[in-house]
Structure formats: C-alpha cells, structure tokens
Amino acid sequence: MSKRKQHSPDFKAKVALEALKGEQTVAELASRFGVHPTMIHTWKKALLEGASGVFERGGKKAPEVDEE
C-alpha cells in the first residue's frame, strides 16, 4: 500500500495563493502541482479563513489543515 503524501505548509500556501489568483482553473492547478482538486479547495478555504490571523497580535499559530 502506498503512503499518503505529506505537503509542507509552504507548498499548500503556494497552491492556495495560485488558486486565489484565478489565472488558472483548479483542474489546471491540480495537474500542474500533482494534487487532487479537492485538496486545493480545502487549502484555499483554510487560507481565507486564517488570513485574518496574520494581522492579530500575540503570535497565535493557526491550526494546520488535515489532509484526509
């Protein structure tokens, strides 16, 4: 059985930002980065929900998205 891929937070952010740009479709991005389109939607949603945390004081760390 194959093991699931573990993507770094930097990779997830890069893919999610590309999805937010809207220059390519999610299907095109999935093919380009070798991930499932559902993961791109999940990472994009997590980025949008956690974006306000970047500007909060106190240095709280946002929870990571589970890849399941």
C-alpha atoms as a PDB file:
ATOM      1  CA  MET A   1       0.000   0.000   0.000  1.00  0.00           C
ATOM      2  CA  SER A   2       1.261   3.496  -0.764  1.00  0.00           C
ATOM      3  CA  LYS A   3       1.716   6.128   1.891  1.00  0.00           C
ATOM      4  CA  ARG A   4      -0.119   9.452   1.675  1.00  0.00           C
ATOM      5  CA  LYS A   5       1.855  12.443   0.537  1.00  0.00           C
ATOM      6  CA  GLN A   6       2.770  14.977   3.182  1.00  0.00           C
ATOM      7  CA  HIS A   7       2.867  18.506   1.786  1.00  0.00           C
ATOM      8  CA  SER A   8       4.674  21.320   3.530  1.00  0.00           C
ATOM      9  CA  PRO A   9       2.760  24.392   4.708  1.00  0.00           C
ATOM     10  CA  ASP A  10       4.766  26.460   2.208  1.00  0.00           C
ATOM     11  CA  PHE A  11       3.622  24.253  -0.664  1.00  0.00           C
ATOM     12  CA  LYS A  12      -0.008  24.418   0.480  1.00  0.00           C
ATOM     13  CA  ALA A  13       0.148  28.210   0.737  1.00  0.00           C
ATOM     14  CA  LYS A  14       1.705  28.481  -2.718  1.00  0.00           C
ATOM     15  CA  VAL A  15      -1.010  26.338  -4.303  1.00  0.00           C
ATOM     16  CA  ALA A  16      -3.806  28.133  -2.415  1.00  0.00           C
ATOM     17  CA  LEU A  17      -2.489  31.539  -3.477  1.00  0.00           C
ATOM     18  CA  GLU A  18      -2.364  30.399  -7.093  1.00  0.00           C
ATOM     19  CA  ALA A  19      -5.991  29.284  -6.760  1.00  0.00           C
ATOM     20  CA  LEU A  20      -6.959  32.666  -5.312  1.00  0.00           C
ATOM     21  CA  LYS A  21      -5.353  34.488  -8.238  1.00  0.00           C
ATOM     22  CA  GLY A  22      -7.847  32.831 -10.566  1.00  0.00           C
ATOM     23  CA  GLU A  23      -5.479  32.802 -13.530  1.00  0.00           C
ATOM     24  CA  GLN A  24      -5.872  29.032 -13.917  1.00  0.00           C
ATOM     25  CA  THR A  25      -8.706  26.671 -13.133  1.00  0.00           C
ATOM     26  CA  VAL A  26      -8.495  24.352 -10.144  1.00  0.00           C
ATOM     27  CA  ALA A  27      -8.215  21.423 -12.552  1.00  0.00           C
ATOM     28  CA  GLU A  28      -5.229  23.050 -14.265  1.00  0.00           C
ATOM     29  CA  LEU A  29      -3.578  23.761 -10.914  1.00  0.00           C
ATOM     30  CA  ALA A  30      -4.211  20.187  -9.753  1.00  0.00           C
ATOM     31  CA  SER A  31      -2.491  18.862 -12.838  1.00  0.00           C
ATOM     32  CA  ARG A  32       0.371  21.339 -12.548  1.00  0.00           C
ATOM     33  CA  PHE A  33       1.090  20.634  -8.857  1.00  0.00           C
ATOM     34  CA  GLY A  34       0.119  16.953  -8.815  1.00  0.00           C
ATOM     35  CA  VAL A  35      -2.588  17.176  -6.160  1.00  0.00           C
ATOM     36  CA  HIS A  36      -6.306  16.430  -6.126  1.00  0.00           C
ATOM     37  CA  PRO A  37      -8.632  19.387  -6.855  1.00  0.00           C
ATOM     38  CA  THR A  38     -10.447  18.784  -3.552  1.00  0.00           C
ATOM     39  CA  MET A  39      -7.205  19.461  -1.675  1.00  0.00           C
ATOM     40  CA  ILE A  40      -6.797  22.765  -3.487  1.00  0.00           C
ATOM     41  CA  HIS A  41     -10.307  23.815  -2.465  1.00  0.00           C
ATOM     42  CA  THR A  42      -9.574  22.787   1.141  1.00  0.00           C
ATOM     43  CA  TRP A  43      -6.283  24.692   1.257  1.00  0.00           C
ATOM     44  CA  LYS A  44      -7.862  27.759  -0.362  1.00  0.00           C
ATOM     45  CA  LYS A  45     -10.678  27.736   2.213  1.00  0.00           C
ATOM     46  CA  ALA A  46      -8.181  27.352   5.077  1.00  0.00           C
ATOM     47  CA  LEU A  47      -6.115  30.239   3.721  1.00  0.00           C
ATOM     48  CA  LEU A  48      -9.132  32.526   3.512  1.00  0.00           C
ATOM     49  CA  GLU A  49     -10.342  31.572   6.998  1.00  0.00           C
ATOM     50  CA  GLY A  50      -6.900  32.001   8.571  1.00  0.00           C
ATOM     51  CA  ALA A  51      -5.827  35.139   6.725  1.00  0.00           C
ATOM     52  CA  SER A  52      -7.066  37.487   9.440  1.00  0.00           C
ATOM     53  CA  GLY A  53      -4.835  35.675  11.939  1.00  0.00           C
ATOM     54  CA  VAL A  54      -1.787  37.055  10.173  1.00  0.00           C
ATOM     55  CA  PHE A  55      -2.661  40.515  11.449  1.00  0.00           C
ATOM     56  CA  GLU A  56      -3.566  39.538  15.019  1.00  0.00           C
ATOM     57  CA  ARG A  57      -1.309  40.380  17.919  1.00  0.00           C
ATOM     58  CA  GLY A  58       0.109  37.746  20.212  1.00  0.00           C
ATOM     59  CA  GLY A  59       1.609  35.435  17.618  1.00  0.00           C
ATOM     60  CA  LYS A  60      -1.105  32.790  17.704  1.00  0.00           C
ATOM     61  CA  LYS A  61      -0.404  29.886  15.405  1.00  0.00           C
ATOM     62  CA  ALA A  62      -3.269  28.845  13.136  1.00  0.00           C
ATOM     63  CA  PRO A  63      -4.207  25.151  13.163  1.00  0.00           C
ATOM     64  CA  GLU A  64      -2.975  23.133  10.219  1.00  0.00           C
ATOM     65  CA  VAL A  65      -5.354  21.558   7.730  1.00  0.00           C
ATOM     66  CA  ASP A  66      -5.643  17.783   7.923  1.00  0.00           C
ATOM     67  CA  GLU A  67      -5.034  16.143   4.544  1.00  0.00           C
ATOM     68  CA  GLU A  68      -7.702  13.468   4.984  1.00  0.00           C
END
